[in-house]
Amino acid sequence: MAKRLLAVVFLASAVGVGLYFSSAPRVQRHKQAESARAADASMRQSQAEAARLSEDRARLQSPAGREEAARTRGYLKPGEKRLDSR
């Protein structure tokens, strides 16, 4: 009976110690996963911004895009007159 009780106490102690020492790697793994998710989200946001800037650049390099940009700044074609909207 005493041997069996000693074995159960030893086994329970071993499980407890194992759980205690395995908690740090689990916490570290969770932190690393969270960091990886944040980096992935930041990368996706940067890629979306780069794609938007590339589209804007392509649009502004086209003749229609240059004309649109010039008109938003108030430029007129030769011979055109500004209409007053009163």
C-alpha atoms as a PDB file:
ATOM      1  CA  MET A   1       0.000   0.000   0.000  1.00  0.00           C
ATOM      2  CA  ALA A   2       2.803   2.423   0.906  1.00  0.00           C
ATOM      3  CA  LYS A   3       4.669   1.607  -2.295  1.00  0.00           C
ATOM      4  CA  ARG A   4       1.558   2.283  -4.377  1.00  0.00           C
ATOM      5  CA  LEU A   5       0.917   5.609  -2.596  1.00  0.00           C
ATOM      6  CA  LEU A   6       4.550   6.607  -3.096  1.00  0.00           C
ATOM      7  CA  ALA A   7       4.298   5.758  -6.819  1.00  0.00           C
ATOM      8  CA  VAL A   8       1.124   7.831  -7.219  1.00  0.00           C
ATOM      9  CA  VAL A   9       2.661  10.812  -5.378  1.00  0.00           C
ATOM     10  CA  PHE A  10       5.823  10.515  -7.484  1.00  0.00           C
ATOM     11  CA  LEU A  11       3.793  10.320 -10.705  1.00  0.00           C
ATOM     12  CA  ALA A  12       1.667  13.296  -9.727  1.00  0.00           C
ATOM     13  CA  SER A  13       4.780  15.274  -8.832  1.00  0.00           C
ATOM     14  CA  ALA A  14       6.395  14.396 -12.158  1.00  0.00           C
ATOM     15  CA  VAL A  15       3.298  15.502 -14.077  1.00  0.00           C
ATOM     16  CA  GLY A  16       3.160  18.755 -12.109  1.00  0.00           C
ATOM     17  CA  VAL A  17       6.819  19.526 -12.708  1.00  0.00           C
ATOM     18  CA  GLY A  18       6.435  18.696 -16.400  1.00  0.00           C
ATOM     19  CA  LEU A  19       3.465  21.012 -16.755  1.00  0.00           C
ATOM     20  CA  TYR A  20       5.280  23.783 -14.909  1.00  0.00           C
ATOM     21  CA  PHE A  21       8.348  23.615 -17.134  1.00  0.00           C
ATOM     22  CA  SER A  22       6.345  23.282 -20.342  1.00  0.00           C
ATOM     23  CA  SER A  23       4.382  26.494 -19.771  1.00  0.00           C
ATOM     24  CA  ALA A  24       7.233  28.833 -20.794  1.00  0.00           C
ATOM     25  CA  PRO A  25       7.640  27.362 -24.311  1.00  0.00           C
ATOM     26  CA  ARG A  26       3.868  27.545 -24.831  1.00  0.00           C
ATOM     27  CA  VAL A  27       3.826  31.218 -23.846  1.00  0.00           C
ATOM     28  CA  GLN A  28       6.794  31.926 -26.114  1.00  0.00           C
ATOM     29  CA  ARG A  29       5.147  30.093 -29.018  1.00  0.00           C
ATOM     30  CA  HIS A  30       1.964  32.124 -28.499  1.00  0.00           C
ATOM     31  CA  LYS A  31       3.941  35.390 -28.523  1.00  0.00           C
ATOM     32  CA  GLN A  32       5.788  34.375 -31.676  1.00  0.00           C
ATOM     33  CA  ALA A  33       2.540  33.444 -33.408  1.00  0.00           C
ATOM     34  CA  GLU A  34       1.010  36.797 -32.460  1.00  0.00           C
ATOM     35  CA  SER A  35       4.097  38.605 -33.732  1.00  0.00           C
ATOM     36  CA  ALA A  36       3.947  36.659 -37.004  1.00  0.00           C
ATOM     37  CA  ARG A  37       0.270  37.550 -37.455  1.00  0.00           C
ATOM     38  CA  ALA A  38       1.039  41.243 -36.878  1.00  0.00           C
ATOM     39  CA  ALA A  39       3.936  41.146 -39.346  1.00  0.00           C
ATOM     40  CA  ASP A  40       1.737  39.408 -41.914  1.00  0.00           C
ATOM     41  CA  ALA A  41      -0.983  42.048 -41.528  1.00  0.00           C
ATOM     42  CA  SER A  42       1.583  44.828 -41.865  1.00  0.00           C
ATOM     43  CA  MET A  43       3.034  43.195 -44.986  1.00  0.00           C
ATOM     44  CA  ARG A  44      -0.409  42.862 -46.569  1.00  0.00           C
ATOM     45  CA  GLN A  45      -1.154  46.517 -45.808  1.00  0.00           C
ATOM     46  CA  SER A  46       2.180  47.577 -47.340  1.00  0.00           C
ATOM     47  CA  GLN A  47       1.512  45.487 -50.442  1.00  0.00           C
ATOM     48  CA  ALA A  48      -1.943  47.039 -50.842  1.00  0.00           C
ATOM     49  CA  GLU A  49      -0.446  50.530 -50.511  1.00  0.00           C
ATOM     50  CA  ALA A  50       2.253  49.691 -53.069  1.00  0.00           C
ATOM     51  CA  ALA A  51      -0.380  48.405 -55.499  1.00  0.00           C
ATOM     52  CA  ARG A  52      -2.463  51.564 -55.030  1.00  0.00           C
ATOM     53  CA  LEU A  53       0.569  53.784 -55.616  1.00  0.00           C
ATOM     54  CA  SER A  54       1.508  51.790 -58.709  1.00  0.00           C
ATOM     55  CA  GLU A  55      -2.008  52.225 -60.109  1.00  0.00           C
ATOM     56  CA  ASP A  56      -1.931  55.965 -59.351  1.00  0.00           C
ATOM     57  CA  ARG A  57       1.449  56.305 -61.048  1.00  0.00           C
ATOM     58  CA  ALA A  58       0.264  54.432 -64.138  1.00  0.00           C
ATOM     59  CA  ARG A  59      -2.893  56.561 -64.286  1.00  0.00           C
ATOM     60  CA  LEU A  60      -0.916  59.815 -63.953  1.00  0.00           C
ATOM     61  CA  GLN A  61       1.537  58.762 -66.660  1.00  0.00           C
ATOM     62  CA  SER A  62      -1.253  58.302 -69.199  1.00  0.00           C
ATOM     63  CA  PRO A  63      -2.413  61.305 -71.261  1.00  0.00           C
ATOM     64  CA  ALA A  64      -5.904  61.181 -69.759  1.00  0.00           C
ATOM     65  CA  GLY A  65      -4.487  60.970 -66.237  1.00  0.00           C
ATOM     66  CA  ARG A  66      -2.165  63.928 -66.801  1.00  0.00           C
ATOM     67  CA  GLU A  67      -5.068  65.968 -68.143  1.00  0.00           C
ATOM     68  CA  GLU A  68      -7.247  65.036 -65.165  1.00  0.00           C
ATOM     69  CA  ALA A  69      -4.491  66.011 -62.717  1.00  0.00           C
ATOM     70  CA  ALA A  70      -3.913  69.318 -64.506  1.00  0.00           C
ATOM     71  CA  ARG A  71      -7.630  70.159 -64.480  1.00  0.00           C
ATOM     72  CA  THR A  72      -7.917  69.458 -60.757  1.00  0.00           C
ATOM     73  CA  ARG A  73      -5.134  72.021 -60.281  1.00  0.00           C
ATOM     74  CA  GLY A  74      -7.026  74.588 -62.335  1.00  0.00           C
ATOM     75  CA  TYR A  75      -5.182  74.376 -65.659  1.00  0.00           C
ATOM     76  CA  LEU A  76      -7.135  74.868 -68.896  1.00  0.00           C
ATOM     77  CA  LYS A  77      -6.438  73.829 -72.474  1.00  0.00           C
ATOM     78  CA  PRO A  78      -5.411  76.617 -74.833  1.00  0.00           C
ATOM     79  CA  GLY A  79      -8.540  78.434 -75.957  1.00  0.00           C
ATOM     80  CA  GLU A  80     -10.751  77.195 -73.087  1.00  0.00           C
ATOM     81  CA  LYS A  81     -12.390  79.612 -70.727  1.00  0.00           C
ATOM     82  CA  ARG A  82     -13.343  78.984 -67.124  1.00  0.00           C
ATOM     83  CA  LEU A  83     -17.074  78.829 -66.487  1.00  0.00           C
ATOM     84  CA  ASP A  84     -18.316  80.714 -63.457  1.00  0.00           C
ATOM     85  CA  SER A  85     -20.938  78.757 -61.577  1.00  0.00           C
ATOM     86  CA  ARG A  86     -22.907  81.353 -59.630  1.00  0.00           C
END
